[in-house]
N, C-alpha and C. Protein backbone atom coordinates (compact mmCIF):
# COMPACT_ATOMS: atom_id res chain seq x y z
N MET A 1 0.85 -1.18 0.00
CA MET A 1 0.00 0.00 0.00
C MET A 1 0.89 1.24 0.00
N SER A 2 0.57 2.19 -0.81
CA SER A 2 1.35 3.42 -0.86
C SER A 2 0.47 4.61 -0.57
N GLY A 3 1.11 5.71 -0.21
CA GLY A 3 0.38 6.93 0.11
C GLY A 3 1.12 8.13 -0.46
N LYS A 4 0.51 9.28 -0.35
CA LYS A 4 1.09 10.50 -0.88
C LYS A 4 1.74 11.27 0.26
N LEU A 5 2.91 11.87 -0.04
CA LEU A 5 3.64 12.64 0.96
C LEU A 5 4.18 13.90 0.29
N THR A 6 3.96 15.04 0.91
CA THR A 6 4.49 16.30 0.40
C THR A 6 5.74 16.64 1.19
N LEU A 7 6.84 16.89 0.47
CA LEU A 7 8.12 17.20 1.11
C LEU A 7 8.61 18.57 0.64
N TYR A 8 9.27 19.29 1.53
CA TYR A 8 9.92 20.54 1.18
C TYR A 8 11.41 20.30 1.30
N ILE A 9 12.10 20.31 0.15
CA ILE A 9 13.51 19.95 0.09
C ILE A 9 14.25 21.04 -0.66
N GLU A 10 15.50 21.29 -0.26
CA GLU A 10 16.32 22.30 -0.91
C GLU A 10 16.47 21.98 -2.39
N GLU A 11 16.49 23.03 -3.19
CA GLU A 11 16.49 22.86 -4.65
C GLU A 11 17.71 22.09 -5.16
N ASP A 12 18.88 22.32 -4.57
CA ASP A 12 20.07 21.60 -5.03
C ASP A 12 19.95 20.10 -4.75
N VAL A 13 19.29 19.75 -3.66
CA VAL A 13 19.08 18.34 -3.34
C VAL A 13 18.09 17.72 -4.33
N ILE A 14 17.05 18.47 -4.64
CA ILE A 14 16.06 18.00 -5.63
C ILE A 14 16.74 17.73 -6.97
N ASN A 15 17.56 18.68 -7.40
CA ASN A 15 18.26 18.51 -8.69
C ASN A 15 19.17 17.29 -8.66
N TYR A 16 19.86 17.09 -7.55
CA TYR A 16 20.74 15.92 -7.44
C TYR A 16 19.93 14.63 -7.50
N VAL A 17 18.83 14.56 -6.74
CA VAL A 17 18.02 13.34 -6.71
C VAL A 17 17.42 13.06 -8.09
N LYS A 18 17.00 14.09 -8.79
CA LYS A 18 16.46 13.90 -10.13
C LYS A 18 17.51 13.32 -11.07
N SER A 19 18.73 13.85 -11.02
CA SER A 19 19.78 13.33 -11.91
C SER A 19 20.20 11.93 -11.49
N TYR A 20 20.24 11.67 -10.18
CA TYR A 20 20.57 10.33 -9.68
C TYR A 20 19.52 9.33 -10.16
N ALA A 21 18.27 9.69 -10.00
CA ALA A 21 17.17 8.80 -10.40
C ALA A 21 17.23 8.52 -11.91
N LYS A 22 17.48 9.56 -12.70
CA LYS A 22 17.55 9.37 -14.15
C LYS A 22 18.72 8.46 -14.53
N ALA A 23 19.86 8.66 -13.89
CA ALA A 23 21.05 7.85 -14.19
C ALA A 23 20.86 6.38 -13.83
N HIS A 24 20.04 6.13 -12.80
CA HIS A 24 19.80 4.75 -12.35
C HIS A 24 18.46 4.19 -12.83
N LYS A 25 17.84 4.93 -13.74
CA LYS A 25 16.55 4.52 -14.32
C LYS A 25 15.51 4.21 -13.24
N LEU A 26 15.39 5.15 -12.30
CA LEU A 26 14.41 5.05 -11.22
C LEU A 26 13.59 6.34 -11.19
N SER A 27 12.45 6.27 -10.53
CA SER A 27 11.70 7.49 -10.29
C SER A 27 12.23 8.13 -9.00
N VAL A 28 11.98 9.43 -8.88
CA VAL A 28 12.38 10.13 -7.65
C VAL A 28 11.65 9.50 -6.46
N SER A 29 10.40 9.14 -6.65
CA SER A 29 9.64 8.50 -5.57
C SER A 29 10.30 7.20 -5.12
N LYS A 30 10.81 6.42 -6.08
CA LYS A 30 11.46 5.16 -5.74
C LYS A 30 12.76 5.40 -4.98
N VAL A 31 13.53 6.42 -5.38
CA VAL A 31 14.77 6.75 -4.68
C VAL A 31 14.46 7.14 -3.24
N VAL A 32 13.48 8.01 -3.06
CA VAL A 32 13.11 8.45 -1.71
C VAL A 32 12.58 7.27 -0.90
N ASN A 33 11.75 6.44 -1.52
CA ASN A 33 11.22 5.27 -0.83
C ASN A 33 12.35 4.33 -0.39
N ASN A 34 13.32 4.10 -1.27
CA ASN A 34 14.45 3.24 -0.94
C ASN A 34 15.25 3.80 0.23
N PHE A 35 15.49 5.12 0.21
CA PHE A 35 16.22 5.75 1.30
C PHE A 35 15.46 5.64 2.62
N LEU A 36 14.17 5.93 2.60
CA LEU A 36 13.38 5.86 3.83
C LEU A 36 13.27 4.43 4.35
N THR A 37 13.25 3.46 3.46
CA THR A 37 13.24 2.06 3.87
C THR A 37 14.55 1.71 4.56
N LEU A 38 15.67 2.16 4.01
CA LEU A 38 16.96 1.94 4.67
C LEU A 38 16.98 2.59 6.05
N LEU A 39 16.45 3.78 6.13
CA LEU A 39 16.40 4.50 7.41
C LEU A 39 15.56 3.74 8.42
N LYS A 40 14.43 3.22 7.97
CA LYS A 40 13.52 2.46 8.85
C LYS A 40 14.20 1.20 9.37
N ASN A 41 14.97 0.53 8.52
CA ASN A 41 15.61 -0.73 8.89
C ASN A 41 16.94 -0.56 9.61
N HIS A 42 17.42 0.67 9.73
CA HIS A 42 18.70 0.94 10.38
C HIS A 42 18.57 0.73 11.88
N LYS A 43 19.59 0.13 12.48
CA LYS A 43 19.60 -0.11 13.93
C LYS A 43 19.73 1.22 14.66
N PRO A 44 19.11 1.32 15.83
CA PRO A 44 19.27 2.54 16.63
C PRO A 44 20.74 2.75 16.99
N GLU A 45 21.11 4.00 17.28
CA GLU A 45 22.50 4.32 17.56
C GLU A 45 23.06 3.61 18.79
N ASP A 46 22.20 3.22 19.74
CA ASP A 46 22.71 2.56 20.94
C ASP A 46 23.15 1.13 20.66
N GLU A 47 22.77 0.57 19.53
CA GLU A 47 23.25 -0.74 19.13
C GLU A 47 24.45 -0.51 18.22
N THR A 48 25.63 -0.83 18.74
CA THR A 48 26.82 -0.54 17.97
C THR A 48 26.95 -1.48 16.78
N GLU A 49 27.43 -0.95 15.70
CA GLU A 49 27.68 -1.75 14.52
C GLU A 49 29.18 -1.98 14.42
N ASN A 50 29.58 -3.22 14.25
CA ASN A 50 30.99 -3.54 14.16
C ASN A 50 31.44 -3.58 12.71
N ALA A 51 32.71 -3.30 12.54
CA ALA A 51 33.31 -3.41 11.22
C ALA A 51 33.40 -4.89 10.84
N PRO A 52 33.46 -5.21 9.55
CA PRO A 52 33.53 -6.61 9.13
C PRO A 52 34.68 -7.38 9.79
N LEU A 53 35.84 -6.74 9.96
CA LEU A 53 36.97 -7.42 10.59
C LEU A 53 36.63 -7.77 12.04
N THR A 54 36.00 -6.84 12.75
CA THR A 54 35.62 -7.10 14.13
C THR A 54 34.61 -8.24 14.20
N ASN A 55 33.65 -8.24 13.31
CA ASN A 55 32.67 -9.33 13.28
C ASN A 55 33.33 -10.68 13.03
N SER A 56 34.36 -10.70 12.19
CA SER A 56 35.02 -11.97 11.88
C SER A 56 35.82 -12.49 13.06
N LEU A 57 36.18 -11.61 13.99
CA LEU A 57 36.97 -12.03 15.15
C LEU A 57 36.12 -12.42 16.35
N GLN A 58 34.85 -12.11 16.32
CA GLN A 58 33.98 -12.43 17.46
C GLN A 58 33.93 -13.93 17.67
N GLY A 59 34.19 -14.34 18.93
CA GLY A 59 34.10 -15.74 19.29
C GLY A 59 35.33 -16.55 18.97
N VAL A 60 36.37 -15.91 18.44
CA VAL A 60 37.55 -16.66 18.02
C VAL A 60 38.28 -17.29 19.21
N LEU A 61 38.14 -16.74 20.40
CA LEU A 61 38.83 -17.27 21.58
C LEU A 61 37.96 -18.16 22.46
N LYS A 62 36.78 -18.50 22.03
CA LYS A 62 35.89 -19.33 22.85
C LYS A 62 36.51 -20.67 23.20
N LYS A 63 37.27 -21.26 22.30
CA LYS A 63 37.87 -22.57 22.53
C LYS A 63 39.29 -22.46 23.07
N SER A 64 39.67 -21.28 23.52
CA SER A 64 41.03 -21.03 23.98
C SER A 64 41.21 -21.48 25.44
N ASP A 65 42.44 -21.81 25.79
CA ASP A 65 42.77 -22.19 27.17
C ASP A 65 43.07 -20.98 28.03
N LEU A 66 43.07 -19.80 27.46
CA LEU A 66 43.40 -18.60 28.20
C LEU A 66 42.26 -18.21 29.13
N SER A 67 42.67 -17.73 30.30
CA SER A 67 41.66 -17.29 31.27
C SER A 67 41.78 -15.78 31.45
N GLU A 68 40.85 -15.24 32.18
CA GLU A 68 40.89 -13.81 32.47
C GLU A 68 42.12 -13.50 33.32
N GLU A 69 42.52 -14.42 34.20
CA GLU A 69 43.72 -14.23 35.02
C GLU A 69 44.97 -14.15 34.15
N ASP A 70 45.03 -14.96 33.09
CA ASP A 70 46.16 -14.90 32.16
C ASP A 70 46.25 -13.51 31.53
N TYR A 71 45.13 -12.96 31.19
CA TYR A 71 45.09 -11.64 30.57
C TYR A 71 45.55 -10.58 31.57
N HIS A 72 45.08 -10.68 32.80
CA HIS A 72 45.48 -9.71 33.83
C HIS A 72 46.99 -9.81 34.07
N ARG A 73 47.51 -11.01 34.11
CA ARG A 73 48.94 -11.22 34.31
C ARG A 73 49.73 -10.60 33.15
N TYR A 74 49.26 -10.80 31.95
CA TYR A 74 49.91 -10.22 30.78
C TYR A 74 49.94 -8.69 30.88
N LEU A 75 48.84 -8.08 31.27
CA LEU A 75 48.78 -6.62 31.39
C LEU A 75 49.71 -6.12 32.49
N GLU A 76 49.78 -6.85 33.60
CA GLU A 76 50.68 -6.44 34.69
C GLU A 76 52.13 -6.48 34.23
N GLU A 77 52.50 -7.54 33.51
CA GLU A 77 53.88 -7.66 33.03
C GLU A 77 54.18 -6.57 32.00
N LYS A 78 53.22 -6.24 31.21
CA LYS A 78 53.44 -5.26 30.15
C LYS A 78 53.56 -3.83 30.71
N TYR A 79 52.72 -3.49 31.68
CA TYR A 79 52.64 -2.10 32.11
C TYR A 79 53.23 -1.81 33.48
N LEU A 80 53.60 -2.81 34.24
CA LEU A 80 54.14 -2.54 35.58
C LEU A 80 55.61 -2.84 35.69
């Protein structure tokens, strides 16, 4: 289901969106709809988004023999 929405947008932005839409063979409505859909599906700022490298490292130490005490000992040796 779709509806009508009136927007007031700066002229330079309108011109950019029109040329973008034409270059990608889309309507301006479709470009705006796609953007608003992305905005709707975006996680709130309090949920941090990790970089792909960080995501690939998550859980890598689950099967490790290292304990939290080992880490504390390492930090003490390094900084004290």
